[in-house]
Structure formats: C-alpha cells, structure tokens
C-alpha cells in the first residue's frame, strides 16, 4: 500500500466514525423525543378518560332531571284528573 492510499483510508475511516457519532447522537435525540411523545400521549389518554367520566356523569344528571320532570308532569296530570 502506498502512503496516499493509507492516508485516504484513514480519512475515510475518520469520516465514517464522524457519521456514526452523528447517527448515535440523532438516535439519542430521537429516543428522547419519542419518550416525550409517549408521555404526552399518556396525558391525553388520561384527559380523555376524565372527559368520558364527566360525560357519563352529565348524562346521569340529565336522566335524573328528565325523570323528575316526567314525574312532576304525571303528578300534575293526576291532580287535574
């Protein structure tokens, strides 16, 4: 091997090592971003579950009001009759 060929190989290996280091750094950053997204997804899921519970409670309250209204209407009808 000539000195030029050795120098070219060393330069190429150095570039590859720099590329590998960049890939590793990007991989770390990607992992960090994925972890943040997973946390946000978990927060959104918790929020949605809370909203579902609120909707169920509101629905139950509406049913109570409608039931009371219906009973009051029936009692009024019975008093008139």
PDB file of N, CA and C in Angstrom:
ATOM      1  N   UNK A   1       0.844  -1.178   0.000  1.00  0.00           N
ATOM      2  CA  UNK A   1       0.000   0.000   0.000  1.00  0.00           C
ATOM      3  C   UNK A   1       0.889   1.241   0.000  1.00  0.00           C
ATOM      4  N   UNK A   2       0.427   2.196  -0.756  1.00  0.00           N
ATOM      5  CA  UNK A   2       1.177   3.446  -0.794  1.00  0.00           C
ATOM      6  C   UNK A   2       0.726   4.340   0.351  1.00  0.00           C
ATOM      7  N   UNK A   3       1.512   5.310   0.649  1.00  0.00           N
ATOM      8  CA  UNK A   3       1.184   6.243   1.730  1.00  0.00           C
ATOM      9  C   UNK A   3      -0.107   7.001   1.410  1.00  0.00           C
ATOM     10  N   UNK A   4      -0.299   7.356   0.144  1.00  0.00           N
ATOM     11  CA  UNK A   4      -1.518   8.060  -0.264  1.00  0.00           C
ATOM     12  C   UNK A   4      -2.758   7.194  -0.026  1.00  0.00           C
ATOM     13  N   UNK A   5      -2.658   5.924  -0.356  1.00  0.00           N
ATOM     14  CA  UNK A   5      -3.774   5.007  -0.148  1.00  0.00           C
ATOM     15  C   UNK A   5      -4.079   4.863   1.341  1.00  0.00           C
ATOM     16  N   UNK A   6      -3.053   4.764   2.158  1.00  0.00           N
ATOM     17  CA  UNK A   6      -3.225   4.669   3.611  1.00  0.00           C
ATOM     18  C   UNK A   6      -3.877   5.939   4.146  1.00  0.00           C
ATOM     19  N   UNK A   7      -3.408   7.094   3.679  1.00  0.00           N
ATOM     20  CA  UNK A   7      -3.987   8.372   4.118  1.00  0.00           C
ATOM     21  C   UNK A   7      -5.456   8.481   3.705  1.00  0.00           C
ATOM     22  N   UNK A   8      -5.769   8.043   2.489  1.00  0.00           N
ATOM     23  CA  UNK A   8      -7.154   8.071   2.018  1.00  0.00           C
ATOM     24  C   UNK A   8      -8.041   7.154   2.859  1.00  0.00           C
ATOM     25  N   UNK A   9      -7.537   5.979   3.185  1.00  0.00           N
ATOM     26  CA  UNK A   9      -8.297   5.051   4.028  1.00  0.00           C
ATOM     27  C   UNK A   9      -8.528   5.620   5.425  1.00  0.00           C
ATOM     28  N   UNK A  10      -7.505   6.223   5.991  1.00  0.00           N
ATOM     29  CA  UNK A  10      -7.639   6.838   7.317  1.00  0.00           C
ATOM     30  C   UNK A  10      -8.664   7.975   7.283  1.00  0.00           C
ATOM     31  N   UNK A  11      -8.623   8.758   6.232  1.00  0.00           N
ATOM     32  CA  UNK A  11      -9.590   9.855   6.098  1.00  0.00           C
ATOM     33  C   UNK A  11     -11.017   9.307   5.975  1.00  0.00           C
ATOM     34  N   UNK A  12     -11.161   8.249   5.184  1.00  0.00           N
ATOM     35  CA  UNK A  12     -12.467   7.619   5.016  1.00  0.00           C
ATOM     36  C   UNK A  12     -12.968   7.026   6.333  1.00  0.00           C
ATOM     37  N   UNK A  13     -12.093   6.366   7.058  1.00  0.00           N
ATOM     38  CA  UNK A  13     -12.467   5.793   8.361  1.00  0.00           C
ATOM     39  C   UNK A  13     -12.860   6.901   9.327  1.00  0.00           C
ATOM     40  N   UNK A  14     -12.144   7.996   9.311  1.00  0.00           N
ATOM     41  CA  UNK A  14     -12.463   9.134  10.178  1.00  0.00           C
ATOM     42  C   UNK A  14     -13.844   9.690   9.837  1.00  0.00           C
ATOM     43  N   UNK A  15     -14.133   9.821   8.557  1.00  0.00           N
ATOM     44  CA  UNK A  15     -15.453  10.299   8.149  1.00  0.00           C
ATOM     45  C   UNK A  15     -16.553   9.340   8.591  1.00  0.00           C
ATOM     46  N   UNK A  16     -16.311   8.050   8.450  1.00  0.00           N
ATOM     47  CA  UNK A  16     -17.291   7.059   8.894  1.00  0.00           C
ATOM     48  C   UNK A  16     -17.537   7.159  10.396  1.00  0.00           C
ATOM     49  N   UNK A  17     -16.463   7.320  11.157  1.00  0.00           N
ATOM     50  CA  UNK A  17     -16.613   7.445  12.605  1.00  0.00           C
ATOM     51  C   UNK A  17     -17.405   8.700  12.968  1.00  0.00           C
ATOM     52  N   UNK A  18     -17.168   9.780  12.258  1.00  0.00           N
ATOM     53  CA  UNK A  18     -17.938  11.004  12.498  1.00  0.00           C
ATOM     54  C   UNK A  18     -19.412  10.781  12.158  1.00  0.00           C
ATOM     55  N   UNK A  19     -19.663  10.082  11.048  1.00  0.00           N
ATOM     56  CA  UNK A  19     -21.037   9.769  10.674  1.00  0.00           C
ATOM     57  C   UNK A  19     -21.708   8.888  11.727  1.00  0.00           C
ATOM     58  N   UNK A  20     -20.985   7.896  12.218  1.00  0.00           N
ATOM     59  CA  UNK A  20     -21.537   7.014  13.253  1.00  0.00           C
ATOM     60  C   UNK A  20     -21.859   7.791  14.522  1.00  0.00           C
ATOM     61  N   UNK A  21     -20.997   8.715  14.888  1.00  0.00           N
ATOM     62  CA  UNK A  21     -21.236   9.529  16.081  1.00  0.00           C
ATOM     63  C   UNK A  21     -22.479  10.401  15.882  1.00  0.00           C
ATOM     64  N   UNK A  22     -22.644  10.945  14.697  1.00  0.00           N
ATOM     65  CA  UNK A  22     -23.828  11.761  14.386  1.00  0.00           C
ATOM     66  C   UNK A  22     -25.088  10.899  14.435  1.00  0.00           C
ATOM     67  N   UNK A  23     -25.007   9.696  13.892  1.00  0.00           N
ATOM     68  CA  UNK A  23     -26.153   8.775  13.926  1.00  0.00           C
ATOM     69  C   UNK A  23     -26.505   8.430  15.370  1.00  0.00           C
ATOM     70  N   UNK A  24     -25.511   8.190  16.187  1.00  0.00           N
ATOM     71  CA  UNK A  24     -25.756   7.871  17.597  1.00  0.00           C
ATOM     72  C   UNK A  24     -26.406   9.058  18.305  1.00  0.00           C
ATOM     73  N   UNK A  25     -25.894  10.256  18.047  1.00  0.00           N
ATOM     74  CA  UNK A  25     -26.459  11.455  18.668  1.00  0.00           C
ATOM     75  C   UNK A  25     -27.907  11.652  18.212  1.00  0.00           C
ATOM     76  N   UNK A  26     -28.160  11.458  16.923  1.00  0.00           N
ATOM     77  CA  UNK A  26     -29.526  11.594  16.410  1.00  0.00           C
ATOM     78  C   UNK A  26     -30.435  10.522  17.001  1.00  0.00           C
ATOM     79  N   UNK A  27     -29.904   9.321  17.178  1.00  0.00           N
ATOM     80  CA  UNK A  27     -30.677   8.245  17.788  1.00  0.00           C
ATOM     81  C   UNK A  27     -31.057   8.588  19.224  1.00  0.00           C
ATOM     82  N   UNK A  28     -30.121   9.164  19.964  1.00  0.00           N
ATOM     83  CA  UNK A  28     -30.397   9.571  21.341  1.00  0.00           C
ATOM     84  C   UNK A  28     -31.487  10.638  21.345  1.00  0.00           C
ATOM     85  N   UNK A  29     -31.357  11.619  20.449  1.00  0.00           N
ATOM     86  CA  UNK A  29     -32.356  12.691  20.372  1.00  0.00           C
ATOM     87  C   UNK A  29     -33.717  12.129  19.969  1.00  0.00           C
ATOM     88  N   UNK A  30     -33.724  11.192  19.049  1.00  0.00           N
ATOM     89  CA  UNK A  30     -34.970  10.555  18.620  1.00  0.00           C
ATOM     90  C   UNK A  30     -35.610   9.804  19.784  1.00  0.00           C
ATOM     91  N   UNK A  31     -34.810   9.059  20.535  1.00  0.00           N
ATOM     92  CA  UNK A  31     -35.331   8.337  21.705  1.00  0.00           C
ATOM     93  C   UNK A  31     -35.937   9.310  22.712  1.00  0.00           C
ATOM     94  N   UNK A  32     -35.269  10.420  22.917  1.00  0.00           N
ATOM     95  CA  UNK A  32     -35.756  11.428  23.856  1.00  0.00           C
ATOM     96  C   UNK A  32     -37.091  11.997  23.383  1.00  0.00           C
ATOM     97  N   UNK A  33     -37.193  12.303  22.094  1.00  0.00           N
ATOM     98  CA  UNK A  33     -38.439  12.837  21.548  1.00  0.00           C
ATOM     99  C   UNK A  33     -39.567  11.808  21.612  1.00  0.00           C
ATOM    100  N   UNK A  34     -39.257  10.571  21.352  1.00  0.00           N
ATOM    101  CA  UNK A  34     -40.267   9.504  21.429  1.00  0.00           C
ATOM    102  C   UNK A  34     -40.778   9.376  22.858  1.00  0.00           C
ATOM    103  N   UNK A  35     -39.877   9.441  23.822  1.00  0.00           N
ATOM    104  CA  UNK A  35     -40.288   9.359  25.229  1.00  0.00           C
ATOM    105  C   UNK A  35     -41.208  10.525  25.588  1.00  0.00           C
ATOM    106  N   UNK A  36     -40.891  11.720  25.083  1.00  0.00           N
ATOM    107  CA  UNK A  36     -41.750  12.879  25.339  1.00  0.00           C
ATOM    108  C   UNK A  36     -43.126  12.688  24.701  1.00  0.00           C
ATOM    109  N   UNK A  37     -43.150  12.173  23.479  1.00  0.00           N
ATOM    110  CA  UNK A  37     -44.425  11.925  22.804  1.00  0.00           C
ATOM    111  C   UNK A  37     -45.253  10.879  23.538  1.00  0.00           C
ATOM    112  N   UNK A  38     -44.594   9.832  24.037  1.00  0.00           N
ATOM    113  CA  UNK A  38     -45.313   8.805  24.791  1.00  0.00           C
ATOM    114  C   UNK A  38     -45.915   9.385  26.058  1.00  0.00           C
ATOM    115  N   UNK A  39     -45.186  10.265  26.715  1.00  0.00           N
ATOM    116  CA  UNK A  39     -45.709  10.904  27.920  1.00  0.00           C
ATOM    117  C   UNK A  39     -46.915  11.774  27.580  1.00  0.00           C
ATOM    118  N   UNK A  40     -46.795  12.542  26.514  1.00  0.00           N
ATOM    119  CA  UNK A  40     -47.921  13.383  26.096  1.00  0.00           C
ATOM    120  C   UNK A  40     -49.129  12.530  25.724  1.00  0.00           C
ATOM    121  N   UNK A  41     -48.892  11.428  25.042  1.00  0.00           N
ATOM    122  CA  UNK A  41     -49.988  10.531  24.669  1.00  0.00           C
ATOM    123  C   UNK A  41     -50.667   9.997  25.927  1.00  0.00           C
ATOM    124  N   UNK A  42     -49.878   9.660  26.937  1.00  0.00           N
ATOM    125  CA  UNK A  42     -50.443   9.197  28.204  1.00  0.00           C
ATOM    126  C   UNK A  42     -51.264  10.279  28.873  1.00  0.00           C
ATOM    127  N   UNK A  43     -50.776  11.520  28.814  1.00  0.00           N
ATOM    128  CA  UNK A  43     -51.516  12.644  29.396  1.00  0.00           C
ATOM    129  C   UNK A  43     -52.833  12.857  28.658  1.00  0.00           C
ATOM    130  N   UNK A  44     -52.792  12.765  27.336  1.00  0.00           N
ATOM    131  CA  UNK A  44     -54.008  12.926  26.537  1.00  0.00           C
ATOM    132  C   UNK A  44     -54.995  11.811  26.861  1.00  0.00           C
ATOM    133  N   UNK A  45     -54.494  10.592  26.984  1.00  0.00           N
ATOM    134  CA  UNK A  45     -55.356   9.465  27.322  1.00  0.00           C
ATOM    135  C   UNK A  45     -56.040   9.696  28.667  1.00  0.00           C
ATOM    136  N   UNK A  46     -55.279  10.163  29.650  1.00  0.00           N
ATOM    137  CA  UNK A  46     -55.865  10.446  30.965  1.00  0.00           C
ATOM    138  C   UNK A  46     -56.937  11.524  30.858  1.00  0.00           C
ATOM    139  N   UNK A  47     -56.661  12.539  30.063  1.00  0.00           N
ATOM    140  CA  UNK A  47     -57.638  13.604  29.862  1.00  0.00           C
ATOM    141  C   UNK A  47     -58.907  13.099  29.209  1.00  0.00           C
ATOM    142  N   UNK A  48     -58.760  12.242  28.216  1.00  0.00           N
ATOM    143  CA  UNK A  48     -59.923  11.681  27.526  1.00  0.00           C
ATOM    144  C   UNK A  48     -60.740  10.814  28.473  1.00  0.00           C
ATOM    145  N   UNK A  49     -60.060  10.010  29.287  1.00  0.00           N
ATOM    146  CA  UNK A  49     -60.782   9.173  30.253  1.00  0.00           C
ATOM    147  C   UNK A  49     -61.551  10.037  31.246  1.00  0.00           C
ATOM    148  N   UNK A  50     -60.936  11.128  31.668  1.00  0.00           N
ATOM    149  CA  UNK A  50     -61.622  12.053  32.572  1.00  0.00           C
ATOM    150  C   UNK A  50     -62.835  12.679  31.918  1.00  0.00           C
ATOM    151  N   UNK A  51     -62.685  13.055  30.650  1.00  0.00           N
ATOM    152  CA  UNK A  51     -63.822  13.632  29.921  1.00  0.00           C
ATOM    153  C   UNK A  51     -64.947  12.617  29.763  1.00  0.00           C
ATOM    154  N   UNK A  52     -64.590  11.370  29.490  1.00  0.00           N
ATOM    155  CA  UNK A  52     -65.607  10.324  29.368  1.00  0.00           C
ATOM    156  C   UNK A  52     -66.383  10.176  30.679  1.00  0.00           C
ATOM    157  N   UNK A  53     -65.683  10.202  31.790  1.00  0.00           N
ATOM    158  CA  UNK A  53     -66.349  10.097  33.092  1.00  0.00           C
ATOM    159  C   UNK A  53     -67.256  11.303  33.324  1.00  0.00           C
ATOM    160  N   UNK A  54     -66.783  12.491  32.948  1.00  0.00           N
ATOM    161  CA  UNK A  54     -67.612  13.689  33.092  1.00  0.00           C
ATOM    162  C   UNK A  54     -68.877  13.585  32.235  1.00  0.00           C
ATOM    163  N   UNK A  55     -68.738  13.094  31.020  1.00  0.00           N
ATOM    164  CA  UNK A  55     -69.887  12.938  30.120  1.00  0.00           C
ATOM    165  C   UNK A  55     -70.880  11.943  30.711  1.00  0.00           C
ATOM    166  N   UNK A  56     -70.376  10.836  31.259  1.00  0.00           N
ATOM    167  CA  UNK A  56     -71.270   9.852  31.884  1.00  0.00           C
ATOM    168  C   UNK A  56     -72.029  10.472  33.048  1.00  0.00           C
ATOM    169  N   UNK A  57     -71.332  11.281  33.843  1.00  0.00           N
ATOM    170  CA  UNK A  57     -71.974  11.923  34.998  1.00  0.00           C
ATOM    171  C   UNK A  57     -73.016  12.932  34.538  1.00  0.00           C
ATOM    172  N   UNK A  58     -72.682  13.705  33.517  1.00  0.00           N
ATOM    173  CA  UNK A  58     -73.646  14.673  32.976  1.00  0.00           C
ATOM    174  C   UNK A  58     -74.864  13.945  32.427  1.00  0.00           C
ATOM    175  N   UNK A  59     -74.642  12.855  31.715  1.00  0.00           N
ATOM    176  CA  UNK A  59     -75.747  12.066  31.176  1.00  0.00           C
ATOM    177  C   UNK A  59     -76.639  11.550  32.305  1.00  0.00           C
ATOM    178  N   UNK A  60     -76.020  11.050  33.356  1.00  0.00           N
ATOM    179  CA  UNK A  60     -76.795  10.546  34.504  1.00  0.00           C
ATOM    180  C   UNK A  60     -77.596  11.681  35.139  1.00  0.00           C
ATOM    181  N   UNK A  61     -76.978  12.857  35.257  1.00  0.00           N
ATOM    182  CA  UNK A  61     -77.686  14.005  35.839  1.00  0.00           C
ATOM    183  C   UNK A  61     -78.856  14.429  34.956  1.00  0.00           C
ATOM    184  N   UNK A  62     -78.665  14.423  33.652  1.00  0.00           N
ATOM    185  CA  UNK A  62     -79.747  14.776  32.730  1.00  0.00           C
ATOM    186  C   UNK A  62     -80.892  13.779  32.861  1.00  0.00           C
ATOM    187  N   UNK A  63     -80.549  12.500  32.975  1.00  0.00           N
ATOM    188  CA  UNK A  63     -81.595  11.472  33.129  1.00  0.00           C
ATOM    189  C   UNK A  63     -82.382  11.696  34.412  1.00  0.00           C
ATOM    190  N   UNK A  64     -81.685  12.098  35.485  1.00  0.00           N
ATOM    191  CA  UNK A  64     -82.384  12.386  36.743  1.00  0.00           C
ATOM    192  C   UNK A  64     -83.341  13.555  36.574  1.00  0.00           C
ATOM    193  N   UNK A  65     -82.870  14.604  35.918  1.00  0.00           N
ATOM    194  CA  UNK A  65     -83.708  15.787  35.709  1.00  0.00           C
ATOM    195  C   UNK A  65     -84.929  15.424  34.860  1.00  0.00           C
ATOM    196  N   UNK A  66     -84.692  14.679  33.780  1.00  0.00           N
ATOM    197  CA  UNK A  66     -85.809  14.279  32.917  1.00  0.00           C
ATOM    198  C   UNK A  66     -86.798  13.392  33.666  1.00  0.00           C
ATOM    199  N   UNK A  67     -86.278  12.524  34.512  1.00  0.00           N
ATOM    200  CA  UNK A  67     -87.148  11.644  35.303  1.00  0.00           C
ATOM    201  C   UNK A  67     -87.990  12.463  36.272  1.00  0.00           C
ATOM    202  N   UNK A  68     -87.346  13.424  36.936  1.00  0.00           N
ATOM    203  CA  UNK A  68     -88.083  14.281  37.872  1.00  0.00           C
ATOM    204  C   UNK A  68     -89.130  15.106  37.131  1.00  0.00           C
ATOM    205  N   UNK A  69     -88.772  15.610  35.966  1.00  0.00           N
ATOM    206  CA  UNK A  69     -89.704  16.399  35.162  1.00  0.00           C
ATOM    207  C   UNK A  69     -90.893  15.540  34.746  1.00  0.00           C
ATOM    208  N   UNK A  70     -90.620  14.314  34.348  1.00  0.00           N
ATOM    209  CA  UNK A  70     -91.689  13.403  33.935  1.00  0.00           C
ATOM    210  C   UNK A  70     -92.610  13.084  35.113  1.00  0.00           C
ATOM    211  N   UNK A  71     -92.017  12.843  36.274  1.00  0.00           N
ATOM    212  CA  UNK A  71     -92.827  12.552  37.472  1.00  0.00           C
ATOM    213  C   UNK A  71     -93.687  13.749  37.835  1.00  0.00           C
ATOM    214  N   UNK A  72     -93.097  14.934  37.758  1.00  0.00           N
ATOM    215  CA  UNK A  72     -93.844  16.147  38.092  1.00  0.00           C
ATOM    216  C   UNK A  72     -94.996  16.339  37.110  1.00  0.00           C
ATOM    217  N   UNK A  73     -94.756  16.069  35.852  1.00  0.00           N
ATOM    218  CA  UNK A  73     -95.791  16.194  34.830  1.00  0.00           C
ATOM    219  C   UNK A  73     -96.909  15.183  35.101  1.00  0.00           C
ATOM    220  N   UNK A  74     -96.530  13.941  35.464  1.00  0.00           N
ATOM    221  CA  UNK A  74     -97.520  12.909  35.754  1.00  0.00           C
ATOM    222  C   UNK A  74     -98.341  13.276  36.978  1.00  0.00           C
ATOM    223  N   UNK A  75     -97.688  13.796  38.021  1.00  0.00           N
ATOM    224  CA  UNK A  75     -98.398  14.186  39.237  1.00  0.00           C
ATOM    225  C   UNK A  75     -99.369  15.331  38.947  1.00  0.00           C
ATOM    226  N   UNK A  76     -98.935  16.269  38.116  1.00  0.00           N
ATOM    227  CA  UNK A  76     -99.804  17.386  37.750  1.00  0.00           C
ATOM    228  C   UNK A  76    -101.013  16.871  36.974  1.00  0.00           C
ATOM    229  N   UNK A  77    -100.770  15.912  36.087  1.00  0.00           N
ATOM    230  CA  UNK A  77    -101.854  15.331  35.293  1.00  0.00           C
ATOM    231  C   UNK A  77    -102.841  14.590  36.195  1.00  0.00           C
ATOM    232  N   UNK A  78    -102.273  13.863  37.176  1.00  0.00           N
ATOM    233  CA  UNK A  78    -103.145  13.106  38.084  1.00  0.00           C
ATOM    234  C   UNK A  78    -103.987  14.053  38.943  1.00  0.00           C
ATOM    235  N   UNK A  79    -103.441  15.177  39.348  1.00  0.00           N
ATOM    236  CA  UNK A  79    -104.187  16.127  40.184  1.00  0.00           C
ATOM    237  C   UNK A  79    -105.313  16.767  39.381  1.00  0.00           C
ATOM    238  N   UNK A  80    -105.085  16.977  38.103  1.00  0.00           N
ATOM    239  CA  UNK A  80    -106.102  17.587  37.247  1.00  0.00           C
ATOM    240  C   UNK A  80    -107.251  16.604  37.019  1.00  0.00           C
ATOM    241  N   UNK A  81    -106.924  15.342  36.912  1.00  0.00           N
ATOM    242  CA  UNK A  81    -107.937  14.322  36.595  1.00  0.00           C
ATOM    243  C   UNK A  81    -108.817  14.086  37.727  1.00  0.00           C
TER     244      UNK A  81
END
